[in-house]
N, C-alpha and C. Protein backbone atom coordinates (compact mmCIF):
# COMPACT_ATOMS: atom_id res chain seq x y z
N MET A 1 -78.53 128.08 195.36
CA MET A 1 -79.34 127.92 194.14
C MET A 1 -78.41 127.59 192.97
N ASN A 2 -78.59 126.39 192.31
CA ASN A 2 -77.72 126.06 191.21
C ASN A 2 -78.15 126.79 189.94
N SER A 3 -77.35 126.67 188.90
CA SER A 3 -77.58 127.43 187.68
C SER A 3 -78.89 127.06 187.02
N ASP A 4 -79.24 125.74 187.03
CA ASP A 4 -80.49 125.32 186.41
C ASP A 4 -81.72 125.93 187.11
N THR A 5 -81.65 125.91 188.45
CA THR A 5 -82.75 126.51 189.24
C THR A 5 -82.84 127.98 188.98
N HIS A 6 -81.69 128.64 188.91
CA HIS A 6 -81.64 130.09 188.66
C HIS A 6 -82.26 130.42 187.30
N LEU A 7 -81.87 129.63 186.30
CA LEU A 7 -82.41 129.87 184.93
C LEU A 7 -83.92 129.59 184.89
N GLY A 8 -84.34 128.52 185.64
CA GLY A 8 -85.74 128.20 185.68
C GLY A 8 -86.58 129.30 186.28
N PHE A 9 -86.03 129.94 187.35
CA PHE A 9 -86.74 131.03 188.01
C PHE A 9 -86.96 132.19 187.07
N TRP A 10 -85.86 132.57 186.36
CA TRP A 10 -85.97 133.72 185.45
C TRP A 10 -86.86 133.43 184.25
N TYR A 11 -86.88 132.16 183.82
CA TYR A 11 -87.75 131.76 182.73
C TYR A 11 -89.24 131.89 183.15
N CYS A 12 -89.52 131.40 184.36
CA CYS A 12 -90.88 131.50 184.86
C CYS A 12 -91.31 132.94 185.05
N LEU A 13 -90.39 133.76 185.60
CA LEU A 13 -90.69 135.17 185.81
C LEU A 13 -90.97 135.87 184.48
N ARG A 14 -90.14 135.58 183.49
CA ARG A 14 -90.33 136.20 182.18
C ARG A 14 -91.66 135.75 181.54
N SER A 15 -91.99 134.48 181.73
CA SER A 15 -93.25 133.96 181.19
C SER A 15 -94.46 134.64 181.83
N VAL A 16 -94.37 134.84 183.16
CA VAL A 16 -95.43 135.52 183.87
C VAL A 16 -95.61 136.94 183.39
N ILE A 17 -94.47 137.64 183.22
CA ILE A 17 -94.51 139.03 182.75
C ILE A 17 -95.11 139.11 181.36
N VAL A 18 -94.68 138.22 180.47
CA VAL A 18 -95.17 138.22 179.09
C VAL A 18 -96.70 137.91 179.08
N ALA A 19 -97.08 136.90 179.84
CA ALA A 19 -98.51 136.52 179.88
C ALA A 19 -99.34 137.65 180.46
N GLY A 20 -98.83 138.29 181.53
CA GLY A 20 -99.55 139.41 182.13
C GLY A 20 -99.67 140.58 181.17
N SER A 21 -98.62 140.86 180.45
CA SER A 21 -98.61 141.96 179.47
C SER A 21 -99.60 141.70 178.35
N LEU A 22 -99.65 140.45 177.86
CA LEU A 22 -100.57 140.08 176.81
C LEU A 22 -102.03 140.20 177.32
N PHE A 23 -102.24 139.77 178.57
CA PHE A 23 -103.60 139.84 179.14
C PHE A 23 -104.03 141.30 179.24
N ILE A 24 -103.17 142.15 179.78
CA ILE A 24 -103.55 143.57 179.96
C ILE A 24 -103.72 144.21 178.59
N GLY A 25 -102.82 143.90 177.68
CA GLY A 25 -102.91 144.50 176.33
C GLY A 25 -104.20 144.11 175.61
N THR A 26 -104.56 142.82 175.74
CA THR A 26 -105.78 142.36 175.10
C THR A 26 -107.01 142.99 175.73
N ASN A 27 -107.02 143.09 177.05
CA ASN A 27 -108.14 143.73 177.74
C ASN A 27 -108.28 145.19 177.34
N PHE A 28 -107.14 145.88 177.25
CA PHE A 28 -107.19 147.29 176.87
C PHE A 28 -107.68 147.46 175.44
N ALA A 29 -107.22 146.58 174.54
CA ALA A 29 -107.68 146.65 173.13
C ALA A 29 -109.19 146.42 173.03
N ILE A 30 -109.71 145.50 173.82
CA ILE A 30 -111.15 145.28 173.81
C ILE A 30 -111.90 146.51 174.35
N SER A 31 -111.34 147.13 175.39
CA SER A 31 -111.95 148.35 175.92
C SER A 31 -111.95 149.48 174.89
N VAL A 32 -110.85 149.63 174.18
CA VAL A 32 -110.78 150.64 173.13
C VAL A 32 -111.86 150.41 172.10
N ALA A 33 -111.98 149.17 171.64
CA ALA A 33 -113.00 148.84 170.63
C ALA A 33 -114.41 149.11 171.15
N THR A 34 -114.63 148.80 172.43
CA THR A 34 -115.97 149.03 173.05
C THR A 34 -116.29 150.50 173.11
N VAL A 35 -115.33 151.28 173.62
CA VAL A 35 -115.53 152.71 173.75
C VAL A 35 -115.77 153.35 172.37
N TYR A 36 -115.01 152.93 171.37
CA TYR A 36 -115.16 153.45 170.01
C TYR A 36 -116.53 153.08 169.45
N GLN A 37 -116.98 151.84 169.70
CA GLN A 37 -118.27 151.41 169.17
C GLN A 37 -119.41 152.23 169.77
N PHE A 38 -119.38 152.49 171.07
CA PHE A 38 -120.42 153.22 171.72
C PHE A 38 -120.42 154.71 171.35
N SER A 39 -119.33 155.19 170.77
CA SER A 39 -119.25 156.61 170.41
C SER A 39 -120.04 157.01 169.19
N HIS A 40 -120.56 156.03 168.47
CA HIS A 40 -121.29 156.28 167.25
C HIS A 40 -122.81 156.32 167.53
N PRO A 41 -123.53 157.13 166.82
CA PRO A 41 -124.95 157.24 167.00
C PRO A 41 -125.68 155.91 166.77
N GLN A 42 -126.71 155.66 167.54
CA GLN A 42 -127.49 154.44 167.39
C GLN A 42 -128.94 154.82 167.03
N VAL A 43 -129.67 153.84 166.49
CA VAL A 43 -131.07 154.07 166.22
C VAL A 43 -131.78 154.00 167.58
N LEU A 44 -132.50 155.06 167.88
CA LEU A 44 -133.11 155.21 169.21
C LEU A 44 -134.59 154.90 169.19
N SER A 45 -135.06 154.23 170.23
CA SER A 45 -136.48 154.10 170.48
C SER A 45 -136.88 155.22 171.45
N GLU A 46 -138.16 155.47 171.50
CA GLU A 46 -138.66 156.50 172.46
C GLU A 46 -138.40 156.04 173.89
N ALA A 47 -138.13 157.00 174.76
CA ALA A 47 -137.84 156.70 176.16
C ALA A 47 -138.55 157.74 177.04
N ASP A 48 -138.66 157.41 178.32
CA ASP A 48 -139.33 158.33 179.22
C ASP A 48 -138.53 159.60 179.45
N ALA A 49 -137.19 159.47 179.53
CA ALA A 49 -136.39 160.66 179.87
C ALA A 49 -134.99 160.53 179.30
N ALA A 50 -134.40 161.69 179.06
CA ALA A 50 -132.98 161.77 178.72
C ALA A 50 -132.23 162.07 180.03
N ILE A 51 -131.22 161.31 180.34
CA ILE A 51 -130.36 161.55 181.47
C ILE A 51 -129.12 162.29 180.97
N VAL A 52 -128.97 163.53 181.38
CA VAL A 52 -127.81 164.33 180.97
C VAL A 52 -126.72 164.23 182.05
N LEU A 53 -125.65 163.59 181.71
CA LEU A 53 -124.57 163.43 182.69
C LEU A 53 -123.90 164.78 182.91
N GLY A 54 -123.61 165.06 184.18
CA GLY A 54 -123.07 166.36 184.54
C GLY A 54 -121.70 166.65 183.96
N ALA A 55 -121.44 167.92 183.77
CA ALA A 55 -120.13 168.43 183.32
C ALA A 55 -119.94 169.81 183.92
N ALA A 56 -118.79 170.37 183.72
CA ALA A 56 -118.45 171.65 184.38
C ALA A 56 -119.42 172.76 184.02
N ALA A 57 -119.73 173.57 185.03
CA ALA A 57 -120.54 174.80 184.84
C ALA A 57 -119.68 175.96 185.30
N TRP A 58 -119.78 177.09 184.56
CA TRP A 58 -119.02 178.27 184.85
C TRP A 58 -120.01 179.30 185.44
N ASP A 59 -120.03 179.40 186.76
CA ASP A 59 -120.98 180.26 187.45
C ASP A 59 -122.38 179.82 187.08
N LYS A 60 -123.16 180.61 186.33
CA LYS A 60 -124.51 180.26 185.97
C LYS A 60 -124.63 179.77 184.54
N HIS A 61 -123.48 179.50 183.93
CA HIS A 61 -123.51 179.11 182.50
C HIS A 61 -122.81 177.76 182.33
N PRO A 62 -123.32 176.94 181.42
CA PRO A 62 -122.69 175.65 181.17
C PRO A 62 -121.38 175.82 180.40
N SER A 63 -120.40 175.01 180.72
CA SER A 63 -119.18 175.00 179.93
C SER A 63 -119.51 174.51 178.53
N PRO A 64 -118.62 174.69 177.54
CA PRO A 64 -118.91 174.23 176.18
C PRO A 64 -119.27 172.73 176.15
N VAL A 65 -118.59 171.91 176.92
CA VAL A 65 -118.87 170.49 176.92
C VAL A 65 -120.30 170.24 177.44
N PHE A 66 -120.64 170.86 178.57
CA PHE A 66 -121.95 170.70 179.16
C PHE A 66 -123.04 171.25 178.26
N ARG A 67 -122.77 172.39 177.65
CA ARG A 67 -123.75 173.03 176.74
C ARG A 67 -124.15 172.07 175.61
N GLU A 68 -123.16 171.36 175.04
CA GLU A 68 -123.46 170.47 173.95
C GLU A 68 -124.29 169.27 174.42
N ARG A 69 -124.06 168.82 175.64
CA ARG A 69 -124.89 167.74 176.18
C ARG A 69 -126.32 168.22 176.38
N ILE A 70 -126.49 169.42 176.90
CA ILE A 70 -127.83 169.97 177.12
C ILE A 70 -128.52 170.16 175.77
N ASN A 71 -127.83 170.74 174.81
CA ASN A 71 -128.42 170.98 173.48
C ASN A 71 -128.89 169.68 172.83
N HIS A 72 -128.12 168.62 173.01
CA HIS A 72 -128.51 167.37 172.43
C HIS A 72 -129.73 166.77 173.13
N ALA A 73 -129.79 166.91 174.44
CA ALA A 73 -130.99 166.45 175.19
C ALA A 73 -132.22 167.25 174.75
N ILE A 74 -132.05 168.54 174.56
CA ILE A 74 -133.17 169.37 174.09
C ILE A 74 -133.62 168.93 172.73
N HIS A 75 -132.67 168.58 171.87
CA HIS A 75 -133.02 168.09 170.51
C HIS A 75 -133.84 166.80 170.64
N LEU A 76 -133.43 165.87 171.48
CA LEU A 76 -134.18 164.62 171.64
C LEU A 76 -135.58 164.93 172.19
N TYR A 77 -135.70 165.92 173.05
CA TYR A 77 -137.00 166.30 173.60
C TYR A 77 -137.90 166.90 172.51
N ARG A 78 -137.32 167.76 171.69
CA ARG A 78 -138.09 168.42 170.64
C ARG A 78 -138.61 167.48 169.58
N ILE A 79 -137.83 166.42 169.25
CA ILE A 79 -138.25 165.48 168.19
C ILE A 79 -139.09 164.34 168.78
N GLY A 80 -139.36 164.38 170.07
CA GLY A 80 -140.24 163.44 170.69
C GLY A 80 -139.65 162.09 171.12
N LYS A 81 -138.33 162.04 171.15
CA LYS A 81 -137.67 160.81 171.59
C LYS A 81 -137.77 160.64 173.11
N VAL A 82 -137.87 161.75 173.85
CA VAL A 82 -138.04 161.69 175.31
C VAL A 82 -139.11 162.66 175.74
N LYS A 83 -139.75 162.35 176.84
CA LYS A 83 -140.81 163.22 177.40
C LYS A 83 -140.24 164.16 178.47
N LYS A 84 -139.16 163.73 179.11
CA LYS A 84 -138.57 164.52 180.21
C LYS A 84 -137.06 164.60 180.00
N ILE A 85 -136.47 165.57 180.66
CA ILE A 85 -135.01 165.70 180.72
C ILE A 85 -134.61 165.67 182.19
N LEU A 86 -133.67 164.77 182.52
CA LEU A 86 -133.22 164.60 183.89
C LEU A 86 -131.75 165.07 183.97
N PHE A 87 -131.53 166.15 184.65
CA PHE A 87 -130.17 166.70 184.78
C PHE A 87 -129.53 166.18 186.04
N THR A 88 -128.22 165.94 185.97
CA THR A 88 -127.46 165.47 187.12
C THR A 88 -126.24 166.34 187.35
N GLY A 89 -125.77 166.35 188.58
CA GLY A 89 -124.49 167.05 188.86
C GLY A 89 -124.62 168.07 189.96
N GLY A 90 -123.70 167.97 190.92
CA GLY A 90 -123.68 168.91 192.04
C GLY A 90 -122.77 170.12 191.75
N SER A 91 -122.37 170.81 192.81
CA SER A 91 -121.53 172.01 192.66
C SER A 91 -120.15 171.72 193.15
N PRO A 92 -119.12 172.15 192.41
CA PRO A 92 -117.72 171.92 192.84
C PRO A 92 -117.34 172.78 194.05
N LYS A 93 -118.05 173.91 194.25
CA LYS A 93 -117.71 174.80 195.34
C LYS A 93 -119.01 175.32 196.01
N THR A 94 -118.95 175.49 197.29
CA THR A 94 -120.08 176.00 198.03
C THR A 94 -120.41 177.42 197.55
N GLY A 95 -121.70 177.68 197.33
CA GLY A 95 -122.11 179.03 196.93
C GLY A 95 -122.32 179.13 195.42
N PHE A 96 -121.88 178.14 194.65
CA PHE A 96 -122.08 178.18 193.22
C PHE A 96 -123.25 177.32 192.83
N MET A 97 -123.91 177.65 191.73
CA MET A 97 -125.02 176.83 191.22
C MET A 97 -124.51 175.44 190.87
N THR A 98 -125.38 174.46 191.12
CA THR A 98 -125.01 173.11 190.76
C THR A 98 -125.08 172.93 189.24
N GLU A 99 -124.39 171.90 188.76
CA GLU A 99 -124.40 171.63 187.32
C GLU A 99 -125.85 171.36 186.85
N ALA A 100 -126.57 170.63 187.67
CA ALA A 100 -127.98 170.30 187.29
C ALA A 100 -128.85 171.55 187.22
N ALA A 101 -128.67 172.47 188.16
CA ALA A 101 -129.44 173.70 188.18
C ALA A 101 -129.10 174.58 186.96
N VAL A 102 -127.81 174.59 186.62
CA VAL A 102 -127.39 175.35 185.42
C VAL A 102 -128.00 174.74 184.17
N GLY A 103 -128.00 173.41 184.10
CA GLY A 103 -128.61 172.75 182.96
C GLY A 103 -130.09 173.03 182.85
N ARG A 104 -130.78 172.98 183.97
CA ARG A 104 -132.21 173.26 183.99
C ARG A 104 -132.48 174.70 183.52
N ARG A 105 -131.73 175.62 184.04
CA ARG A 105 -131.89 177.03 183.68
C ARG A 105 -131.69 177.25 182.17
N TYR A 106 -130.66 176.62 181.63
CA TYR A 106 -130.37 176.74 180.20
C TYR A 106 -131.48 176.11 179.35
N ALA A 107 -131.94 174.95 179.76
CA ALA A 107 -133.01 174.27 179.01
C ALA A 107 -134.32 175.06 178.98
N ILE A 108 -134.69 175.62 180.13
CA ILE A 108 -135.90 176.42 180.19
C ILE A 108 -135.79 177.64 179.30
N ARG A 109 -134.61 178.27 179.30
CA ARG A 109 -134.39 179.42 178.42
C ARG A 109 -134.43 179.07 176.94
N ASN A 110 -134.28 177.78 176.66
CA ASN A 110 -134.30 177.32 175.25
C ASN A 110 -135.57 176.54 174.93
N GLY A 111 -136.65 176.82 175.68
CA GLY A 111 -137.98 176.34 175.28
C GLY A 111 -138.47 175.08 175.90
N VAL A 112 -137.73 174.47 176.80
CA VAL A 112 -138.19 173.24 177.44
C VAL A 112 -139.13 173.64 178.61
N ASP A 113 -140.29 173.00 178.65
CA ASP A 113 -141.23 173.26 179.74
C ASP A 113 -140.64 172.88 181.06
N ALA A 114 -140.72 173.75 182.04
CA ALA A 114 -140.14 173.49 183.35
C ALA A 114 -140.72 172.23 183.99
N SER A 115 -141.97 171.90 183.70
CA SER A 115 -142.60 170.72 184.26
C SER A 115 -142.03 169.42 183.68
N ASP A 116 -141.29 169.55 182.57
CA ASP A 116 -140.70 168.37 181.95
C ASP A 116 -139.22 168.20 182.34
N ILE A 117 -138.76 168.95 183.32
CA ILE A 117 -137.37 168.87 183.77
C ILE A 117 -137.30 168.33 185.19
N ILE A 118 -136.43 167.36 185.38
CA ILE A 118 -136.17 166.79 186.72
C ILE A 118 -134.68 166.91 186.94
N TYR A 119 -134.27 167.08 188.20
CA TYR A 119 -132.82 167.21 188.41
C TYR A 119 -132.43 166.81 189.83
N GLU A 120 -131.15 166.42 189.97
CA GLU A 120 -130.58 166.16 191.28
C GLU A 120 -129.31 166.98 191.43
N ASN A 121 -129.02 167.41 192.64
CA ASN A 121 -127.98 168.43 192.87
C ASN A 121 -126.75 167.94 193.67
N HIS A 122 -126.55 166.64 193.77
CA HIS A 122 -125.53 166.19 194.73
C HIS A 122 -124.41 165.34 194.12
N SER A 123 -124.56 164.78 192.94
CA SER A 123 -123.55 163.86 192.42
C SER A 123 -122.28 164.57 191.99
N ARG A 124 -121.17 163.84 192.05
CA ARG A 124 -119.87 164.39 191.68
C ARG A 124 -119.17 163.62 190.60
N ASP A 125 -119.66 162.44 190.25
CA ASP A 125 -119.01 161.64 189.19
C ASP A 125 -120.08 160.85 188.45
N THR A 126 -119.65 160.10 187.45
CA THR A 126 -120.60 159.39 186.59
C THR A 126 -121.44 158.37 187.36
N TRP A 127 -120.79 157.62 188.26
CA TRP A 127 -121.53 156.63 189.03
C TRP A 127 -122.60 157.30 189.89
N GLN A 128 -122.21 158.36 190.57
CA GLN A 128 -123.20 159.07 191.42
C GLN A 128 -124.29 159.71 190.55
N ASN A 129 -123.94 160.25 189.38
CA ASN A 129 -124.92 160.78 188.45
C ASN A 129 -126.05 159.74 188.23
N LEU A 130 -125.63 158.51 187.94
CA LEU A 130 -126.59 157.46 187.58
C LEU A 130 -127.35 156.92 188.79
N VAL A 131 -126.66 156.79 189.92
CA VAL A 131 -127.33 156.32 191.16
C VAL A 131 -128.41 157.31 191.58
N ASN A 132 -128.08 158.61 191.56
CA ASN A 132 -129.05 159.62 191.96
C ASN A 132 -130.16 159.77 190.93
N ALA A 133 -129.81 159.63 189.68
CA ALA A 133 -130.82 159.67 188.60
C ALA A 133 -131.81 158.53 188.78
N GLN A 134 -131.32 157.37 189.11
CA GLN A 134 -132.21 156.21 189.33
C GLN A 134 -133.20 156.46 190.44
N ALA A 135 -132.73 157.02 191.56
CA ALA A 135 -133.62 157.31 192.68
C ALA A 135 -134.71 158.29 192.30
N ILE A 136 -134.32 159.35 191.59
CA ILE A 136 -135.29 160.33 191.19
C ILE A 136 -136.28 159.78 190.17
N ALA A 137 -135.74 158.97 189.26
CA ALA A 137 -136.59 158.36 188.24
C ALA A 137 -137.67 157.48 188.85
N GLU A 138 -137.32 156.74 189.87
CA GLU A 138 -138.29 155.87 190.56
C GLU A 138 -139.36 156.71 191.23
N ASP A 139 -138.99 157.85 191.78
CA ASP A 139 -139.98 158.72 192.41
C ASP A 139 -140.93 159.35 191.38
N ASN A 140 -140.49 159.38 190.14
CA ASN A 140 -141.29 160.04 189.11
C ASN A 140 -141.87 159.04 188.09
N ASP A 141 -141.82 157.74 188.42
CA ASP A 141 -142.38 156.70 187.57
C ASP A 141 -141.78 156.69 186.14
N LEU A 142 -140.48 156.92 186.06
CA LEU A 142 -139.78 156.85 184.77
C LEU A 142 -139.06 155.51 184.67
N ASP A 143 -139.23 154.83 183.55
CA ASP A 143 -138.69 153.47 183.41
C ASP A 143 -137.66 153.28 182.32
N SER A 144 -137.62 154.19 181.35
CA SER A 144 -136.69 154.00 180.25
C SER A 144 -135.96 155.31 179.97
N PHE A 145 -134.69 155.20 179.53
CA PHE A 145 -133.85 156.39 179.48
C PHE A 145 -132.92 156.37 178.27
N ILE A 146 -132.55 157.59 177.85
CA ILE A 146 -131.49 157.79 176.88
C ILE A 146 -130.41 158.59 177.59
N ILE A 147 -129.23 158.03 177.74
CA ILE A 147 -128.14 158.74 178.40
C ILE A 147 -127.42 159.60 177.36
N VAL A 148 -127.23 160.86 177.71
CA VAL A 148 -126.60 161.83 176.81
C VAL A 148 -125.25 162.25 177.39
N SER A 149 -124.20 162.10 176.60
CA SER A 149 -122.87 162.56 177.01
C SER A 149 -121.96 162.63 175.81
N ASP A 150 -120.70 162.96 176.07
CA ASP A 150 -119.70 162.95 174.97
C ASP A 150 -119.51 161.56 174.43
N PRO A 151 -119.15 161.42 173.16
CA PRO A 151 -119.08 160.10 172.52
C PRO A 151 -118.27 159.05 173.26
N TYR A 152 -117.03 159.40 173.67
CA TYR A 152 -116.18 158.39 174.29
C TYR A 152 -116.52 158.14 175.76
N HIS A 153 -117.46 158.88 176.33
CA HIS A 153 -117.85 158.68 177.71
C HIS A 153 -118.96 157.64 177.85
N LEU A 154 -119.63 157.33 176.72
CA LEU A 154 -120.87 156.61 176.80
C LEU A 154 -120.75 155.11 177.11
N ALA A 155 -119.65 154.49 176.70
CA ALA A 155 -119.49 153.06 177.00
C ALA A 155 -119.47 152.82 178.50
N ARG A 156 -118.67 153.60 179.21
CA ARG A 156 -118.62 153.43 180.67
C ARG A 156 -119.98 153.74 181.30
N ALA A 157 -120.63 154.79 180.82
CA ALA A 157 -121.94 155.15 181.37
C ALA A 157 -122.96 154.03 181.13
N ASP A 158 -122.90 153.43 179.95
CA ASP A 158 -123.83 152.33 179.66
C ASP A 158 -123.61 151.14 180.55
N PHE A 159 -122.34 150.75 180.74
CA PHE A 159 -122.03 149.61 181.60
C PHE A 159 -122.49 149.86 183.02
N MET A 160 -122.22 151.06 183.54
CA MET A 160 -122.61 151.41 184.91
C MET A 160 -124.15 151.40 185.06
N ALA A 161 -124.82 152.00 184.07
CA ALA A 161 -126.30 152.08 184.14
C ALA A 161 -126.91 150.67 184.15
N ARG A 162 -126.40 149.80 183.34
CA ARG A 162 -126.95 148.45 183.25
C ARG A 162 -126.63 147.65 184.53
N ASP A 163 -125.49 147.93 185.12
CA ASP A 163 -125.15 147.28 186.41
C ASP A 163 -126.14 147.73 187.50
N LEU A 164 -126.67 148.93 187.34
CA LEU A 164 -127.65 149.43 188.31
C LEU A 164 -129.08 148.95 187.98
N GLY A 165 -129.22 148.29 186.85
CA GLY A 165 -130.53 147.78 186.46
C GLY A 165 -131.38 148.77 185.67
N LEU A 166 -130.75 149.83 185.16
CA LEU A 166 -131.50 150.82 184.41
C LEU A 166 -131.72 150.33 182.95
N ASN A 167 -132.89 150.65 182.41
CA ASN A 167 -133.19 150.37 181.02
C ASN A 167 -132.76 151.55 180.18
N VAL A 168 -131.60 151.43 179.54
CA VAL A 168 -131.02 152.59 178.89
C VAL A 168 -130.64 152.35 177.43
N GLN A 169 -130.64 153.46 176.71
CA GLN A 169 -129.98 153.60 175.43
C GLN A 169 -128.96 154.73 175.60
N VAL A 170 -128.07 154.87 174.67
CA VAL A 170 -127.11 155.97 174.76
C VAL A 170 -127.12 156.79 173.46
N SER A 171 -126.89 158.07 173.61
CA SER A 171 -126.86 158.95 172.46
C SER A 171 -125.75 159.97 172.59
N PRO A 172 -124.70 159.86 171.79
CA PRO A 172 -123.57 160.79 171.89
C PRO A 172 -123.88 162.17 171.34
N THR A 173 -123.29 163.17 171.92
CA THR A 173 -123.44 164.51 171.37
C THR A 173 -122.81 164.55 169.98
N PRO A 174 -123.46 165.22 169.04
CA PRO A 174 -122.93 165.26 167.67
C PRO A 174 -121.66 166.11 167.57
N THR A 175 -121.42 166.95 168.54
CA THR A 175 -120.21 167.77 168.54
C THR A 175 -119.49 167.57 169.88
N THR A 176 -118.20 167.78 169.89
CA THR A 176 -117.40 167.64 171.08
C THR A 176 -116.16 168.55 171.01
N ARG A 177 -115.68 168.95 172.18
CA ARG A 177 -114.50 169.82 172.18
C ARG A 177 -113.24 169.04 171.80
N TYR A 178 -113.34 167.71 171.82
CA TYR A 178 -112.17 166.86 171.47
C TYR A 178 -112.12 166.68 169.96
N THR A 179 -111.67 167.71 169.26
CA THR A 179 -111.70 167.68 167.81
C THR A 179 -110.30 167.36 167.23
N ALA A 180 -109.24 167.79 167.88
CA ALA A 180 -107.89 167.51 167.38
C ALA A 180 -107.59 166.02 167.57
N THR A 181 -106.87 165.45 166.63
CA THR A 181 -106.57 164.02 166.68
C THR A 181 -105.89 163.63 167.98
N GLN A 182 -104.93 164.43 168.43
CA GLN A 182 -104.24 164.10 169.65
C GLN A 182 -105.19 164.12 170.86
N SER A 183 -106.10 165.07 170.92
CA SER A 183 -107.06 165.13 172.00
C SER A 183 -108.03 163.95 171.96
N LYS A 184 -108.46 163.59 170.76
CA LYS A 184 -109.35 162.44 170.63
C LYS A 184 -108.70 161.16 171.10
N LEU A 185 -107.46 160.97 170.70
CA LEU A 185 -106.73 159.76 171.08
C LEU A 185 -106.52 159.70 172.58
N ARG A 186 -106.21 160.86 173.18
CA ARG A 186 -106.01 160.92 174.64
C ARG A 186 -107.30 160.61 175.38
N PHE A 187 -108.40 161.19 174.93
CA PHE A 187 -109.67 160.93 175.57
C PHE A 187 -110.11 159.48 175.39
N LEU A 188 -109.87 158.93 174.19
CA LEU A 188 -110.22 157.52 173.91
C LEU A 188 -109.39 156.59 174.83
N ALA A 189 -108.10 156.87 174.95
CA ALA A 189 -107.23 156.05 175.78
C ALA A 189 -107.64 156.17 177.26
N GLN A 190 -107.98 157.35 177.70
CA GLN A 190 -108.36 157.57 179.08
C GLN A 190 -109.64 156.82 179.43
N GLU A 191 -110.66 156.97 178.58
CA GLU A 191 -111.93 156.30 178.86
C GLU A 191 -111.80 154.77 178.73
N SER A 192 -110.94 154.31 177.81
CA SER A 192 -110.74 152.86 177.67
C SER A 192 -110.08 152.29 178.92
N TYR A 193 -109.10 153.01 179.44
CA TYR A 193 -108.44 152.58 180.66
C TYR A 193 -109.39 152.56 181.85
N ILE A 194 -110.21 153.60 182.01
CA ILE A 194 -111.15 153.68 183.12
C ILE A 194 -112.20 152.56 183.00
N LEU A 195 -112.67 152.32 181.78
CA LEU A 195 -113.66 151.22 181.60
C LEU A 195 -113.04 149.88 181.97
N MET A 196 -111.78 149.67 181.54
CA MET A 196 -111.10 148.41 181.86
C MET A 196 -110.96 148.23 183.38
N MET A 197 -110.57 149.30 184.07
CA MET A 197 -110.40 149.22 185.51
C MET A 197 -111.74 148.99 186.22
N TYR A 198 -112.78 149.63 185.69
CA TYR A 198 -114.12 149.44 186.28
C TYR A 198 -114.53 147.98 186.18
N GLN A 199 -114.27 147.36 185.03
CA GLN A 199 -114.68 145.97 184.86
C GLN A 199 -113.82 145.05 185.74
N TRP A 200 -112.55 145.35 185.92
CA TRP A 200 -111.69 144.56 186.79
C TRP A 200 -112.18 144.64 188.23
N VAL A 201 -112.48 145.85 188.69
CA VAL A 201 -112.92 146.04 190.06
C VAL A 201 -114.25 145.30 190.29
N LYS A 202 -115.12 145.36 189.30
CA LYS A 202 -116.40 144.65 189.40
C LYS A 202 -116.18 143.14 189.49
N LEU A 203 -115.25 142.64 188.67
CA LEU A 203 -114.93 141.20 188.67
C LEU A 203 -114.34 140.77 190.01
N LEU A 204 -113.42 141.56 190.54
CA LEU A 204 -112.77 141.24 191.82
C LEU A 204 -113.82 141.27 192.96
N ALA A 205 -114.77 142.19 192.85
CA ALA A 205 -115.80 142.28 193.89
C ALA A 205 -116.65 141.00 193.92
N HIS A 206 -116.80 140.38 192.74
CA HIS A 206 -117.61 139.16 192.66
C HIS A 206 -116.78 137.88 192.69
N PHE A 207 -115.45 138.04 192.78
CA PHE A 207 -114.56 136.91 192.73
C PHE A 207 -114.87 135.86 193.83
N PRO A 208 -115.05 136.27 195.10
CA PRO A 208 -115.34 135.29 196.15
C PRO A 208 -116.62 134.48 195.83
N GLN A 209 -117.61 135.15 195.24
CA GLN A 209 -118.85 134.44 194.90
C GLN A 209 -118.61 133.41 193.83
N LEU A 210 -117.76 133.81 192.83
CA LEU A 210 -117.45 132.88 191.73
C LEU A 210 -116.72 131.64 192.25
N ILE A 211 -115.76 131.85 193.15
CA ILE A 211 -115.02 130.75 193.75
C ILE A 211 -115.96 129.83 194.50
N TYR A 212 -116.88 130.43 195.26
CA TYR A 212 -117.82 129.61 196.04
C TYR A 212 -118.71 128.78 195.14
N LYS A 213 -119.17 129.39 194.04
CA LYS A 213 -120.03 128.65 193.10
C LYS A 213 -119.31 127.49 192.46
N LEU A 214 -118.05 127.74 192.07
CA LEU A 214 -117.27 126.66 191.46
C LEU A 214 -117.00 125.57 192.48
N HIS A 215 -116.71 125.98 193.72
CA HIS A 215 -116.45 124.99 194.77
C HIS A 215 -117.64 124.10 195.04
N THR A 216 -118.81 124.71 195.17
CA THR A 216 -120.02 123.95 195.46
C THR A 216 -120.47 123.08 194.26
N LYS A 217 -120.12 123.55 193.04
CA LYS A 217 -120.49 122.79 191.84
C LYS A 217 -119.77 121.47 191.78
N PHE A 218 -118.53 121.45 192.21
CA PHE A 218 -117.71 120.23 192.05
C PHE A 218 -117.57 119.43 193.32
N LEU A 219 -118.33 119.80 194.36
CA LEU A 219 -118.31 119.02 195.57
C LEU A 219 -118.96 117.62 195.35
């Protein structure tokens, strides 16, 4: 390899690294802006049900994070924004109440009619929360939803719900345990990264179809 070829190789490699870094940085910045935008309250239309995304439960009691999600769903129910509350979330350990059951128990104790509560007991993450919620909603003739969760969690939840074909709005909890600046920034960065990766995975899953469409278009 002569010196010119050697220099050309390193120039190309450096260009690829710089271009890749700019691409990733730009994508991450867009994700941060998206997550931040979704974290703010929106003007809500009435919906059939509030979907409360699962969070940790401590024995028969909701954790502080989960409690705030439940309280916000109860608020939407009381002011007439939703007719039903749909709880999601399974149990981390055998023998313990599921997150959804804990949420239902708490809501009933705080004045929500048991007949207005629906729940599923098997999901372990946000995607499963929404998939299972969709199945239950179809069984109960529910067509429109308000997703309730922590502010920085809602962008990812909204994207996933729409990919599933759900008619959703989102409503962040007015309070959150992430109050310190450092905690907020960490949570914002974490959710922005996960949203970015989710979109990349979705794009890669459809990449063969995109190539095929482009190929057939120019034949």
